[in-house]
PDB file of N, CA and C in Angstrom:
ATOM      1  N   MET A   1     -28.626  14.255 -16.788  1.00  0.00           N
ATOM      2  CA  MET A   1     -27.464  14.376 -17.516  1.00  0.00           C
ATOM      3  C   MET A   1     -26.465  15.002 -16.556  1.00  0.00           C
ATOM      4  N   GLY A   2     -25.239  14.593 -16.787  1.00  0.00           N
ATOM      5  CA  GLY A   2     -24.157  15.239 -15.964  1.00  0.00           C
ATOM      6  C   GLY A   2     -23.743  16.644 -16.340  1.00  0.00           C
ATOM      7  N   THR A   3     -22.843  17.411 -15.751  1.00  0.00           N
ATOM      8  CA  THR A   3     -22.481  18.744 -16.079  1.00  0.00           C
ATOM      9  C   THR A   3     -21.615  18.856 -17.225  1.00  0.00           C
ATOM     10  N   PHE A   4     -21.737  19.903 -17.970  1.00  0.00           N
ATOM     11  CA  PHE A   4     -20.898  20.118 -19.144  1.00  0.00           C
ATOM     12  C   PHE A   4     -19.454  20.657 -18.775  1.00  0.00           C
ATOM     13  N   ARG A   5     -18.535  19.975 -19.178  1.00  0.00           N
ATOM     14  CA  ARG A   5     -17.173  20.271 -19.072  1.00  0.00           C
ATOM     15  C   ARG A   5     -16.308  20.567 -20.325  1.00  0.00           C
ATOM     16  N   THR A   6     -15.582  21.666 -20.347  1.00  0.00           N
ATOM     17  CA  THR A   6     -14.839  22.036 -21.333  1.00  0.00           C
ATOM     18  C   THR A   6     -13.601  20.975 -21.531  1.00  0.00           C
ATOM     19  N   PRO A   7     -12.898  20.909 -22.715  1.00  0.00           N
ATOM     20  CA  PRO A   7     -11.886  19.911 -22.858  1.00  0.00           C
ATOM     21  C   PRO A   7     -10.728  20.365 -22.012  1.00  0.00           C
ATOM     22  N   GLN A   8     -10.548  21.637 -21.612  1.00  0.00           N
ATOM     23  CA  GLN A   8      -9.549  22.044 -20.745  1.00  0.00           C
ATOM     24  C   GLN A   8      -9.768  21.614 -19.369  1.00  0.00           C
ATOM     25  N   GLU A   9     -11.093  21.832 -19.005  1.00  0.00           N
ATOM     26  CA  GLU A   9     -11.311  21.339 -17.610  1.00  0.00           C
ATOM     27  C   GLU A   9     -11.122  19.774 -17.417  1.00  0.00           C
ATOM     28  N   LYS A  10     -11.567  19.118 -18.414  1.00  0.00           N
ATOM     29  CA  LYS A  10     -11.406  17.572 -18.504  1.00  0.00           C
ATOM     30  C   LYS A  10      -9.982  17.288 -18.330  1.00  0.00           C
ATOM     31  N   LYS A  11      -9.118  17.970 -18.982  1.00  0.00           N
ATOM     32  CA  LYS A  11      -7.512  17.762 -19.031  1.00  0.00           C
ATOM     33  C   LYS A  11      -7.031  18.128 -17.486  1.00  0.00           C
ATOM     34  N   ARG A  12      -7.548  19.091 -17.052  1.00  0.00           N
ATOM     35  CA  ARG A  12      -6.969  19.317 -15.685  1.00  0.00           C
ATOM     36  C   ARG A  12      -7.435  18.540 -14.588  1.00  0.00           C
ATOM     37  N   LEU A  13      -8.728  18.045 -14.824  1.00  0.00           N
ATOM     38  CA  LEU A  13      -9.037  16.954 -13.795  1.00  0.00           C
ATOM     39  C   LEU A  13      -8.242  15.601 -14.045  1.00  0.00           C
ATOM     40  N   SER A  14      -8.069  15.547 -15.246  1.00  0.00           N
ATOM     41  CA  SER A  14      -7.197  14.087 -15.693  1.00  0.00           C
ATOM     42  C   SER A  14      -5.945  14.249 -14.798  1.00  0.00           C
ATOM     43  N   TYR A  15      -5.110  15.444 -14.994  1.00  0.00           N
ATOM     44  CA  TYR A  15      -3.981  15.658 -14.524  1.00  0.00           C
ATOM     45  C   TYR A  15      -3.979  15.519 -12.731  1.00  0.00           C
ATOM     46  N   GLN A  16      -5.069  15.914 -12.425  1.00  0.00           N
ATOM     47  CA  GLN A  16      -5.306  16.001 -11.025  1.00  0.00           C
ATOM     48  C   GLN A  16      -5.621  14.363 -10.426  1.00  0.00           C
ATOM     49  N   PHE A  17      -6.664  13.798 -11.042  1.00  0.00           N
ATOM     50  CA  PHE A  17      -7.103  12.549 -10.411  1.00  0.00           C
ATOM     51  C   PHE A  17      -6.756  11.217 -10.978  1.00  0.00           C
ATOM     52  N   ASP A  18      -6.264  11.161 -12.225  1.00  0.00           N
ATOM     53  CA  ASP A  18      -5.656  10.074 -12.820  1.00  0.00           C
ATOM     54  C   ASP A  18      -4.264   9.640 -12.282  1.00  0.00           C
ATOM     55  N   ARG A  19      -4.037   8.597 -12.102  1.00  0.00           N
ATOM     56  CA  ARG A  19      -2.821   8.043 -11.461  1.00  0.00           C
ATOM     57  C   ARG A  19      -1.863   7.311 -12.424  1.00  0.00           C
ATOM     58  N   ARG A  20      -0.629   7.184 -12.301  1.00  0.00           N
ATOM     59  CA  ARG A  20       0.125   6.471 -12.913  1.00  0.00           C
ATOM     60  C   ARG A  20       1.084   5.713 -12.206  1.00  0.00           C
ATOM     61  N   ASP A  21       1.671   4.678 -12.594  1.00  0.00           N
ATOM     62  CA  ASP A  21       2.510   3.761 -11.841  1.00  0.00           C
ATOM     63  C   ASP A  21       3.807   4.406 -11.854  1.00  0.00           C
ATOM     64  N   ASP A  22       4.528   4.696 -10.522  1.00  0.00           N
ATOM     65  CA  ASP A  22       5.684   5.280 -10.381  1.00  0.00           C
ATOM     66  C   ASP A  22       6.639   4.324  -9.585  1.00  0.00           C
ATOM     67  N   TYR A  23       6.171   2.963  -9.616  1.00  0.00           N
ATOM     68  CA  TYR A  23       7.233   1.930  -8.897  1.00  0.00           C
ATOM     69  C   TYR A  23       7.987   1.447 -10.035  1.00  0.00           C
ATOM     70  N   MET A  24       8.088   1.909 -11.112  1.00  0.00           N
ATOM     71  CA  MET A  24       8.633   1.357 -12.333  1.00  0.00           C
ATOM     72  C   MET A  24       8.401  -0.376 -12.491  1.00  0.00           C
ATOM     73  N   GLU A  25       7.367  -0.552 -12.455  1.00  0.00           N
ATOM     74  CA  GLU A  25       6.843  -1.833 -12.836  1.00  0.00           C
ATOM     75  C   GLU A  25       5.658  -1.697 -13.608  1.00  0.00           C
ATOM     76  N   GLY A  26       5.269  -2.682 -14.383  1.00  0.00           N
ATOM     77  CA  GLY A  26       4.224  -2.874 -15.337  1.00  0.00           C
ATOM     78  C   GLY A  26       2.859  -3.049 -14.510  1.00  0.00           C
ATOM     79  N   ASN A  27       1.689  -2.662 -15.225  1.00  0.00           N
ATOM     80  CA  ASN A  27       0.574  -2.732 -14.448  1.00  0.00           C
ATOM     81  C   ASN A  27       0.136  -4.070 -13.910  1.00  0.00           C
ATOM     82  N   LYS A  28       0.388  -5.236 -14.702  1.00  0.00           N
ATOM     83  CA  LYS A  28       0.263  -6.527 -14.329  1.00  0.00           C
ATOM     84  C   LYS A  28       0.906  -6.928 -13.068  1.00  0.00           C
ATOM     85  N   SER A  29       2.209  -6.563 -13.035  1.00  0.00           N
ATOM     86  CA  SER A  29       3.047  -7.042 -11.905  1.00  0.00           C
ATOM     87  C   SER A  29       2.461  -6.137 -10.610  1.00  0.00           C
ATOM     88  N   SER A  30       1.978  -4.973 -10.894  1.00  0.00           N
ATOM     89  CA  SER A  30       1.339  -4.296  -9.681  1.00  0.00           C
ATOM     90  C   SER A  30       0.105  -5.021  -9.104  1.00  0.00           C
ATOM     91  N   ARG A  31      -0.657  -5.529  -9.897  1.00  0.00           N
ATOM     92  CA  ARG A  31      -1.722  -6.346  -9.501  1.00  0.00           C
ATOM     93  C   ARG A  31      -1.474  -7.758  -8.929  1.00  0.00           C
ATOM     94  N   LYS A  32      -0.572  -8.332  -9.511  1.00  0.00           N
ATOM     95  CA  LYS A  32       0.116  -9.616  -9.022  1.00  0.00           C
ATOM     96  C   LYS A  32       0.681  -9.436  -7.718  1.00  0.00           C
ATOM     97  N   GLY A  33       1.381  -8.242  -7.534  1.00  0.00           N
ATOM     98  CA  GLY A  33       2.105  -7.905  -6.238  1.00  0.00           C
ATOM     99  C   GLY A  33       1.265  -7.680  -5.169  1.00  0.00           C
ATOM    100  N   ILE A  34       0.078  -7.117  -5.376  1.00  0.00           N
ATOM    101  CA  ILE A  34      -0.863  -6.861  -4.494  1.00  0.00           C
ATOM    102  C   ILE A  34      -1.464  -8.203  -3.971  1.00  0.00           C
ATOM    103  N   ARG A  35      -1.754  -9.081  -4.863  1.00  0.00           N
ATOM    104  CA  ARG A  35      -2.326 -10.600  -4.487  1.00  0.00           C
ATOM    105  C   ARG A  35      -0.980 -11.228  -3.411  1.00  0.00           C
ATOM    106  N   TRP A  36       0.057 -11.097  -3.871  1.00  0.00           N
ATOM    107  CA  TRP A  36       1.091 -11.645  -3.443  1.00  0.00           C
ATOM    108  C   TRP A  36       1.410 -11.060  -1.910  1.00  0.00           C
ATOM    109  N   ARG A  37       1.620  -9.683  -1.873  1.00  0.00           N
ATOM    110  CA  ARG A  37       1.625  -9.223  -0.475  1.00  0.00           C
ATOM    111  C   ARG A  37       0.469  -9.503   0.537  1.00  0.00           C
ATOM    112  N   LYS A  38      -0.793  -9.761  -0.049  1.00  0.00           N
ATOM    113  CA  LYS A  38      -1.923 -10.232   0.885  1.00  0.00           C
ATOM    114  C   LYS A  38      -1.529 -11.540   1.298  1.00  0.00           C
ATOM    115  N   ARG A  39      -1.080 -12.504   0.342  1.00  0.00           N
ATOM    116  CA  ARG A  39      -0.844 -13.803   0.850  1.00  0.00           C
ATOM    117  C   ARG A  39       0.193 -13.764   1.668  1.00  0.00           C
ATOM    118  N   TRP A  40       1.258 -13.094   1.444  1.00  0.00           N
ATOM    119  CA  TRP A  40       2.549 -13.044   2.494  1.00  0.00           C
ATOM    120  C   TRP A  40       1.952 -12.471   3.877  1.00  0.00           C
ATOM    121  N   VAL A  41       1.208 -11.585   3.992  1.00  0.00           N
ATOM    122  CA  VAL A  41       0.802 -11.152   5.474  1.00  0.00           C
ATOM    123  C   VAL A  41       0.085 -12.309   6.097  1.00  0.00           C
ATOM    124  N   ASN A  42      -0.749 -12.861   5.441  1.00  0.00           N
ATOM    125  CA  ASN A  42      -1.577 -14.143   6.169  1.00  0.00           C
ATOM    126  C   ASN A  42      -0.672 -15.231   6.274  1.00  0.00           C
ATOM    127  N   GLN A  43       0.075 -15.467   5.453  1.00  0.00           N
ATOM    128  CA  GLN A  43       1.014 -16.638   5.596  1.00  0.00           C
ATOM    129  C   GLN A  43       2.139 -16.450   6.731  1.00  0.00           C
ATOM    130  N   THR A  44       2.638 -15.285   6.990  1.00  0.00           N
ATOM    131  CA  THR A  44       3.483 -15.000   7.869  1.00  0.00           C
ATOM    132  C   THR A  44       2.931 -15.157   9.311  1.00  0.00           C
ATOM    133  N   TYR A  45       1.613 -14.590   9.406  1.00  0.00           N
ATOM    134  CA  TYR A  45       0.922 -14.551  10.586  1.00  0.00           C
ATOM    135  C   TYR A  45       0.580 -16.059  10.898  1.00  0.00           C
ATOM    136  N   ARG A  46       0.064 -16.758   9.903  1.00  0.00           N
ATOM    137  CA  ARG A  46      -0.130 -18.218  10.268  1.00  0.00           C
ATOM    138  C   ARG A  46       1.021 -19.105  10.720  1.00  0.00           C
ATOM    139  N   HIS A  47       2.217 -18.618   9.916  1.00  0.00           N
ATOM    140  CA  HIS A  47       3.391 -19.548  10.405  1.00  0.00           C
ATOM    141  C   HIS A  47       3.858 -19.194  11.905  1.00  0.00           C
ATOM    142  N   HIS A  48       3.742 -17.981  12.098  1.00  0.00           N
ATOM    143  CA  HIS A  48       4.199 -17.288  13.559  1.00  0.00           C
ATOM    144  C   HIS A  48       3.328 -18.225  14.674  1.00  0.00           C
ATOM    145  N   ILE A  49       2.026 -18.423  14.231  1.00  0.00           N
ATOM    146  CA  ILE A  49       0.979 -18.789  15.265  1.00  0.00           C
ATOM    147  C   ILE A  49       1.512 -20.453  15.418  1.00  0.00           C
ATOM    148  N   LYS A  50       1.697 -20.997  14.245  1.00  0.00           N
ATOM    149  CA  LYS A  50       2.049 -22.513  14.187  1.00  0.00           C
ATOM    150  C   LYS A  50       3.436 -22.723  15.017  1.00  0.00           C
ATOM    151  N   ARG A  51       4.308 -21.705  14.892  1.00  0.00           N
ATOM    152  CA  ARG A  51       5.742 -21.835  15.576  1.00  0.00           C
ATOM    153  C   ARG A  51       5.530 -21.820  17.033  1.00  0.00           C
ATOM    154  N   ILE A  52       4.561 -20.847  17.437  1.00  0.00           N
ATOM    155  CA  ILE A  52       4.286 -20.859  18.882  1.00  0.00           C
ATOM    156  C   ILE A  52       3.687 -22.125  19.475  1.00  0.00           C
ATOM    157  N   LEU A  53       2.611 -22.690  18.663  1.00  0.00           N
ATOM    158  CA  LEU A  53       1.992 -23.776  19.070  1.00  0.00           C
ATOM    159  C   LEU A  53       2.784 -25.098  19.101  1.00  0.00           C
ATOM    160  N   ARG A  54       3.631 -25.280  18.017  1.00  0.00           N
ATOM    161  CA  ARG A  54       4.475 -26.259  17.934  1.00  0.00           C
ATOM    162  C   ARG A  54       5.544 -26.430  19.215  1.00  0.00           C
ATOM    163  N   SER A  55       5.706 -25.457  20.011  1.00  0.00           N
ATOM    164  CA  SER A  55       6.634 -25.474  21.169  1.00  0.00           C
ATOM    165  C   SER A  55       5.960 -26.362  22.228  1.00  0.00           C
ATOM    166  N   PRO A  56       6.773 -27.112  22.906  1.00  0.00           N
ATOM    167  CA  PRO A  56       6.110 -28.052  23.968  1.00  0.00           C
ATOM    168  C   PRO A  56       5.268 -27.277  25.059  1.00  0.00           C
ATOM    169  N   ILE A  57       4.041 -27.784  25.240  1.00  0.00           N
ATOM    170  CA  ILE A  57       3.250 -26.957  26.117  1.00  0.00           C
ATOM    171  C   ILE A  57       2.861 -27.937  27.206  1.00  0.00           C
ATOM    172  N   ASP A  58       2.964 -27.377  28.482  1.00  0.00           N
ATOM    173  CA  ASP A  58       2.696 -28.103  29.676  1.00  0.00           C
ATOM    174  C   ASP A  58       2.129 -27.099  30.586  1.00  0.00           C
ATOM    175  N   GLN A  59       1.698 -27.558  31.803  1.00  0.00           N
ATOM    176  CA  GLN A  59       1.051 -26.756  32.862  1.00  0.00           C
ATOM    177  C   GLN A  59       1.748 -25.588  33.303  1.00  0.00           C
ATOM    178  N   THR A  60       3.111 -25.650  33.157  1.00  0.00           N
ATOM    179  CA  THR A  60       3.867 -24.520  33.774  1.00  0.00           C
ATOM    180  C   THR A  60       3.932 -23.367  32.696  1.00  0.00           C
ATOM    181  N   ASN A  61       3.995 -23.608  31.326  1.00  0.00           N
ATOM    182  CA  ASN A  61       4.016 -22.536  30.531  1.00  0.00           C
ATOM    183  C   ASN A  61       2.852 -22.169  29.582  1.00  0.00           C
ATOM    184  N   THR A  62       1.792 -22.600  30.223  1.00  0.00           N
ATOM    185  CA  THR A  62       0.547 -22.562  29.475  1.00  0.00           C
ATOM    186  C   THR A  62       0.127 -20.891  29.396  1.00  0.00           C
ATOM    187  N   ASP A  63       0.354 -20.324  30.351  1.00  0.00           N
ATOM    188  CA  ASP A  63       0.152 -18.670  30.475  1.00  0.00           C
ATOM    189  C   ASP A  63       1.060 -18.035  29.348  1.00  0.00           C
ATOM    190  N   ILE A  64       2.356 -18.523  29.410  1.00  0.00           N
ATOM    191  CA  ILE A  64       3.278 -17.760  28.590  1.00  0.00           C
ATOM    192  C   ILE A  64       2.848 -17.872  27.095  1.00  0.00           C
ATOM    193  N   VAL A  65       2.416 -19.250  26.711  1.00  0.00           N
ATOM    194  CA  VAL A  65       2.001 -19.407  25.270  1.00  0.00           C
ATOM    195  C   VAL A  65       0.724 -18.662  25.036  1.00  0.00           C
ATOM    196  N   GLU A  66      -0.267 -18.771  26.073  1.00  0.00           N
ATOM    197  CA  GLU A  66      -1.458 -17.767  25.627  1.00  0.00           C
ATOM    198  C   GLU A  66      -1.006 -16.319  25.601  1.00  0.00           C
ATOM    199  N   ASN A  67      -0.100 -15.731  26.383  1.00  0.00           N
ATOM    200  CA  ASN A  67       0.314 -14.370  26.351  1.00  0.00           C
ATOM    201  C   ASN A  67       0.855 -14.139  24.948  1.00  0.00           C
ATOM    202  N   GLN A  68       1.897 -15.124  24.441  1.00  0.00           N
ATOM    203  CA  GLN A  68       2.406 -15.008  23.224  1.00  0.00           C
ATOM    204  C   GLN A  68       1.455 -14.998  21.991  1.00  0.00           C
ATOM    205  N   LEU A  69       0.433 -15.803  22.245  1.00  0.00           N
ATOM    206  CA  LEU A  69      -0.695 -15.808  21.055  1.00  0.00           C
ATOM    207  C   LEU A  69      -1.467 -14.492  21.007  1.00  0.00           C
ATOM    208  N   ALA A  70      -1.627 -14.030  22.211  1.00  0.00           N
ATOM    209  CA  ALA A  70      -2.640 -12.718  22.324  1.00  0.00           C
ATOM    210  C   ALA A  70      -1.791 -11.582  21.806  1.00  0.00           C
ATOM    211  N   GLU A  71      -0.313 -11.571  22.076  1.00  0.00           N
ATOM    212  CA  GLU A  71       0.469 -10.369  21.571  1.00  0.00           C
ATOM    213  C   GLU A  71       0.883 -10.390  20.082  1.00  0.00           C
ATOM    214  N   THR A  72       0.577 -11.405  19.476  1.00  0.00           N
ATOM    215  CA  THR A  72       0.865 -11.582  17.923  1.00  0.00           C
ATOM    216  C   THR A  72      -0.104 -10.861  17.346  1.00  0.00           C
ATOM    217  N   ARG A  73       0.599 -10.039  16.502  1.00  0.00           N
ATOM    218  CA  ARG A  73      -0.074  -9.195  15.469  1.00  0.00           C
ATOM    219  C   ARG A  73       0.131  -9.470  14.104  1.00  0.00           C
ATOM    220  N   ARG A  74      -0.844  -9.373  13.378  1.00  0.00           N
ATOM    221  CA  ARG A  74      -0.688  -9.631  11.867  1.00  0.00           C
ATOM    222  C   ARG A  74       0.336  -8.437  11.263  1.00  0.00           C
ATOM    223  N   PRO A  75       1.151  -8.723  10.421  1.00  0.00           N
ATOM    224  CA  PRO A  75       2.080  -7.649   9.746  1.00  0.00           C
ATOM    225  C   PRO A  75       1.105  -6.684   8.982  1.00  0.00           C
ATOM    226  N   LEU A  76       1.564  -5.474   8.834  1.00  0.00           N
ATOM    227  CA  LEU A  76       0.839  -4.455   8.346  1.00  0.00           C
ATOM    228  C   LEU A  76       1.082  -4.240   6.990  1.00  0.00           C
ATOM    229  N   TRP A  77       0.262  -4.301   5.918  1.00  0.00           N
ATOM    230  CA  TRP A  77       0.506  -3.959   4.575  1.00  0.00           C
ATOM    231  C   TRP A  77      -0.790  -3.457   3.989  1.00  0.00           C
ATOM    232  N   ARG A  78      -0.435  -2.128   3.446  1.00  0.00           N
ATOM    233  CA  ARG A  78      -1.718  -1.416   2.818  1.00  0.00           C
ATOM    234  C   ARG A  78      -1.381  -1.014   1.309  1.00  0.00           C
ATOM    235  N   LYS A  79      -2.353  -1.082   0.631  1.00  0.00           N
ATOM    236  CA  LYS A  79      -2.132  -0.595  -0.826  1.00  0.00           C
ATOM    237  C   LYS A  79      -1.961   0.907  -0.739  1.00  0.00           C
ATOM    238  N   THR A  80      -1.098   1.459  -1.546  1.00  0.00           N
ATOM    239  CA  THR A  80      -0.916   2.817  -1.572  1.00  0.00           C
ATOM    240  C   THR A  80      -1.092   3.409  -2.884  1.00  0.00           C
ATOM    241  N   PRO A  81      -1.838   4.549  -3.316  1.00  0.00           N
ATOM    242  CA  PRO A  81      -2.210   5.144  -4.452  1.00  0.00           C
ATOM    243  C   PRO A  81      -0.642   5.443  -5.259  1.00  0.00           C
ATOM    244  N   HIS A  82      -0.898   5.250  -6.532  1.00  0.00           N
ATOM    245  CA  HIS A  82       0.168   5.676  -7.489  1.00  0.00           C
ATOM    246  C   HIS A  82       0.255   7.264  -7.473  1.00  0.00           C
ATOM    247  N   ARG A  83       1.244   7.817  -8.297  1.00  0.00           N
ATOM    248  CA  ARG A  83       1.354   9.243  -8.290  1.00  0.00           C
ATOM    249  C   ARG A  83       0.362   9.724  -9.247  1.00  0.00           C
ATOM    250  N   PRO A  84      -0.122  11.091  -8.815  1.00  0.00           N
ATOM    251  CA  PRO A  84      -1.144  11.698  -9.724  1.00  0.00           C
ATOM    252  C   PRO A  84      -0.436  12.074 -11.127  1.00  0.00           C
ATOM    253  N   LEU A  85      -1.312  11.963 -12.321  1.00  0.00           N
ATOM    254  CA  LEU A  85      -0.762  12.201 -13.667  1.00  0.00           C
ATOM    255  C   LEU A  85      -0.146  13.377 -13.957  1.00  0.00           C
ATOM    256  N   GLY A  86      -0.610  14.530 -13.340  1.00  0.00           N
ATOM    257  CA  GLY A  86       0.193  15.677 -13.321  1.00  0.00           C
ATOM    258  C   GLY A  86       1.461  15.769 -12.849  1.00  0.00           C
ATOM    259  N   LEU A  87       1.551  15.216 -11.709  1.00  0.00           N
ATOM    260  CA  LEU A  87       3.051  15.182 -11.165  1.00  0.00           C
ATOM    261  C   LEU A  87       4.042  14.301 -11.712  1.00  0.00           C
ATOM    262  N   TYR A  88       3.330  13.238 -12.282  1.00  0.00           N
ATOM    263  CA  TYR A  88       4.293  12.061 -12.916  1.00  0.00           C
ATOM    264  C   TYR A  88       4.744  12.761 -14.235  1.00  0.00           C
ATOM    265  N   LEU A  89       3.932  13.620 -14.991  1.00  0.00           N
ATOM    266  CA  LEU A  89       4.329  14.075 -16.228  1.00  0.00           C
ATOM    267  C   LEU A  89       5.311  15.039 -16.063  1.00  0.00           C
ATOM    268  N   TYR A  90       5.074  15.970 -14.928  1.00  0.00           N
ATOM    269  CA  TYR A  90       5.869  17.059 -14.733  1.00  0.00           C
ATOM    270  C   TYR A  90       7.293  16.489 -14.312  1.00  0.00           C
ATOM    271  N   GLU A  91       7.550  15.627 -13.489  1.00  0.00           N
ATOM    272  CA  GLU A  91       8.763  15.109 -13.055  1.00  0.00           C
ATOM    273  C   GLU A  91       9.514  14.468 -14.326  1.00  0.00           C
ATOM    274  N   ARG A  92       8.845  14.047 -15.238  1.00  0.00           N
ATOM    275  CA  ARG A  92       9.449  13.462 -16.491  1.00  0.00           C
ATOM    276  C   ARG A  92       9.680  14.641 -17.564  1.00  0.00           C
ATOM    277  N   GLY A  93       9.364  15.752 -17.322  1.00  0.00           N
ATOM    278  CA  GLY A  93       9.683  17.042 -18.107  1.00  0.00           C
ATOM    279  C   GLY A  93       8.617  16.965 -19.392  1.00  0.00           C
ATOM    280  N   LYS A  94       7.483  16.375 -19.213  1.00  0.00           N
ATOM    281  CA  LYS A  94       6.495  16.282 -20.294  1.00  0.00           C
ATOM    282  C   LYS A  94       5.615  17.435 -20.388  1.00  0.00           C
ATOM    283  N   ILE A  95       5.217  18.127 -18.999  1.00  0.00           N
ATOM    284  CA  ILE A  95       4.557  19.408 -19.067  1.00  0.00           C
ATOM    285  C   ILE A  95       5.305  20.322 -18.204  1.00  0.00           C
ATOM    286  N   GLU A  96       4.994  21.659 -18.347  1.00  0.00           N
ATOM    287  CA  GLU A  96       5.429  22.539 -17.601  1.00  0.00           C
ATOM    288  C   GLU A  96       4.850  22.854 -16.178  1.00  0.00           C
ATOM    289  N   LEU A  97       5.661  23.504 -15.552  1.00  0.00           N
ATOM    290  CA  LEU A  97       5.026  23.926 -13.977  1.00  0.00           C
ATOM    291  C   LEU A  97       3.666  24.682 -13.883  1.00  0.00           C
ATOM    292  N   ALA A  98       3.508  25.475 -14.869  1.00  0.00           N
ATOM    293  CA  ALA A  98       2.217  26.193 -14.790  1.00  0.00           C
ATOM    294  C   ALA A  98       0.883  25.452 -14.905  1.00  0.00           C
ATOM    295  N   LYS A  99       1.110  24.218 -15.574  1.00  0.00           N
ATOM    296  CA  LYS A  99       0.050  23.326 -15.472  1.00  0.00           C
ATOM    297  C   LYS A  99      -0.371  22.575 -14.481  1.00  0.00           C
ATOM    298  N   VAL A 100       0.756  22.508 -13.308  1.00  0.00           N
ATOM    299  CA  VAL A 100       0.630  21.535 -12.283  1.00  0.00           C
ATOM    300  C   VAL A 100       0.523  22.407 -11.029  1.00  0.00           C
ATOM    301  N   GLU A 101       0.969  23.608 -11.042  1.00  0.00           N
ATOM    302  CA  GLU A 101       0.933  24.200  -9.738  1.00  0.00           C
ATOM    303  C   GLU A 101      -0.378  24.851  -9.152  1.00  0.00           C
ATOM    304  N   ASN A 102      -1.340  24.797 -10.102  1.00  0.00           N
ATOM    305  CA  ASN A 102      -2.707  25.129  -9.516  1.00  0.00           C
ATOM    306  C   ASN A 102      -3.628  23.946  -9.133  1.00  0.00           C
ATOM    307  N   LEU A 103      -3.034  22.751  -9.240  1.00  0.00           N
ATOM    308  CA  LEU A 103      -3.783  21.616  -8.827  1.00  0.00           C
ATOM    309  C   LEU A 103      -3.578  21.170  -7.320  1.00  0.00           C
ATOM    310  N   THR A 104      -4.532  20.608  -6.734  1.00  0.00           N
ATOM    311  CA  THR A 104      -4.347  20.206  -5.379  1.00  0.00           C
ATOM    312  C   THR A 104      -4.422  18.658  -5.603  1.00  0.00           C
ATOM    313  N   PHE A 105      -3.439  18.008  -5.021  1.00  0.00           N
ATOM    314  CA  PHE A 105      -3.356  16.427  -5.122  1.00  0.00           C
ATOM    315  C   PHE A 105      -3.455  16.118  -3.644  1.00  0.00           C
ATOM    316  N   ARG A 106      -4.081  14.804  -3.415  1.00  0.00           N
ATOM    317  CA  ARG A 106      -4.329  14.158  -2.272  1.00  0.00           C
ATOM    318  C   ARG A 106      -2.983  13.288  -2.238  1.00  0.00           C
ATOM    319  N   VAL A 107      -2.325  13.507  -1.097  1.00  0.00           N
ATOM    320  CA  VAL A 107      -0.956  12.784  -0.962  1.00  0.00           C
ATOM    321  C   VAL A 107      -1.259  11.760   0.105  1.00  0.00           C
ATOM    322  N   HIS A 108      -0.761  10.584  -0.006  1.00  0.00           N
ATOM    323  CA  HIS A 108      -0.969   9.562   0.849  1.00  0.00           C
ATOM    324  C   HIS A 108       0.369   9.651   1.870  1.00  0.00           C
ATOM    325  N   ASP A 109       0.141   8.942   2.992  1.00  0.00           N
ATOM    326  CA  ASP A 109       1.124   8.967   4.143  1.00  0.00           C
ATOM    327  C   ASP A 109       2.046   7.959   3.635  1.00  0.00           C
ATOM    328  N   GLU A 110       3.369   8.431   3.583  1.00  0.00           N
ATOM    329  CA  GLU A 110       4.388   7.493   3.015  1.00  0.00           C
ATOM    330  C   GLU A 110       5.162   6.878   4.207  1.00  0.00           C
ATOM    331  N   GLY A 111       4.541   6.107   5.020  1.00  0.00           N
ATOM    332  CA  GLY A 111       4.960   5.395   6.215  1.00  0.00           C
ATOM    333  C   GLY A 111       5.707   4.116   5.659  1.00  0.00           C
ATOM    334  N   PRO A 112       6.214   3.265   6.630  1.00  0.00           N
ATOM    335  CA  PRO A 112       6.839   1.959   6.203  1.00  0.00           C
ATOM    336  C   PRO A 112       6.142   1.299   5.404  1.00  0.00           C
ATOM    337  N   LEU A 113       6.628   0.404   4.527  1.00  0.00           N
ATOM    338  CA  LEU A 113       5.877  -0.424   3.594  1.00  0.00           C
ATOM    339  C   LEU A 113       5.283  -1.645   4.348  1.00  0.00           C
ATOM    340  N   PHE A 114       6.090  -2.069   5.223  1.00  0.00           N
ATOM    341  CA  PHE A 114       5.352  -2.961   6.194  1.00  0.00           C
ATOM    342  C   PHE A 114       5.289  -2.652   7.556  1.00  0.00           C
ATOM    343  N   GLY A 115       4.489  -3.341   8.455  1.00  0.00           N
ATOM    344  CA  GLY A 115       4.600  -2.943   9.764  1.00  0.00           C
ATOM    345  C   GLY A 115       5.696  -2.947  10.700  1.00  0.00           C
ATOM    346  N   SER A 116       5.766  -2.475  11.955  1.00  0.00           N
ATOM    347  CA  SER A 116       6.829  -2.512  12.639  1.00  0.00           C
ATOM    348  C   SER A 116       7.102  -3.707  13.436  1.00  0.00           C
ATOM    349  N   ASN A 117       6.132  -4.645  13.457  1.00  0.00           N
ATOM    350  CA  ASN A 117       6.229  -5.885  14.256  1.00  0.00           C
ATOM    351  C   ASN A 117       6.714  -7.036  13.192  1.00  0.00           C
ATOM    352  N   HIS A 118       8.004  -7.182  12.854  1.00  0.00           N
ATOM    353  CA  HIS A 118       8.434  -8.187  11.935  1.00  0.00           C
ATOM    354  C   HIS A 118       8.853  -9.251  12.802  1.00  0.00           C
ATOM    355  N   TYR A 119       8.732 -10.362  12.170  1.00  0.00           N
ATOM    356  CA  TYR A 119       9.059 -11.712  12.982  1.00  0.00           C
ATOM    357  C   TYR A 119      10.442 -11.938  12.622  1.00  0.00           C
ATOM    358  N   ASP A 120      11.111 -12.894  13.677  1.00  0.00           N
ATOM    359  CA  ASP A 120      12.462 -13.352  13.502  1.00  0.00           C
ATOM    360  C   ASP A 120      12.705 -14.049  12.126  1.00  0.00           C
TER     361      ASP A 120
END
């Protein structure tokens, strides 16, 4: 059996660990967007490789083409977690600060959405 938790502790843990969508889109579009972005990353990588290989290749520029292929990197995209429920409700004025200030939240790195190596 698991440990016994009071309703207050369950609520506190829910505020801390449950997540809510803060991208102002529905849950279905978030799921579809993840699939779309994964497809986009692979598709742009494949197109970039094909564009390099479509260029005329002869004995003089073989090394150049090989270097271009070796330097080609897949665009970076990673899923990021949504906002913790406690912060989400506090920002919308649904709960007071006293319920949120004792919670510790794991905050993800808010770097660029896509990697730094964009293609032309």
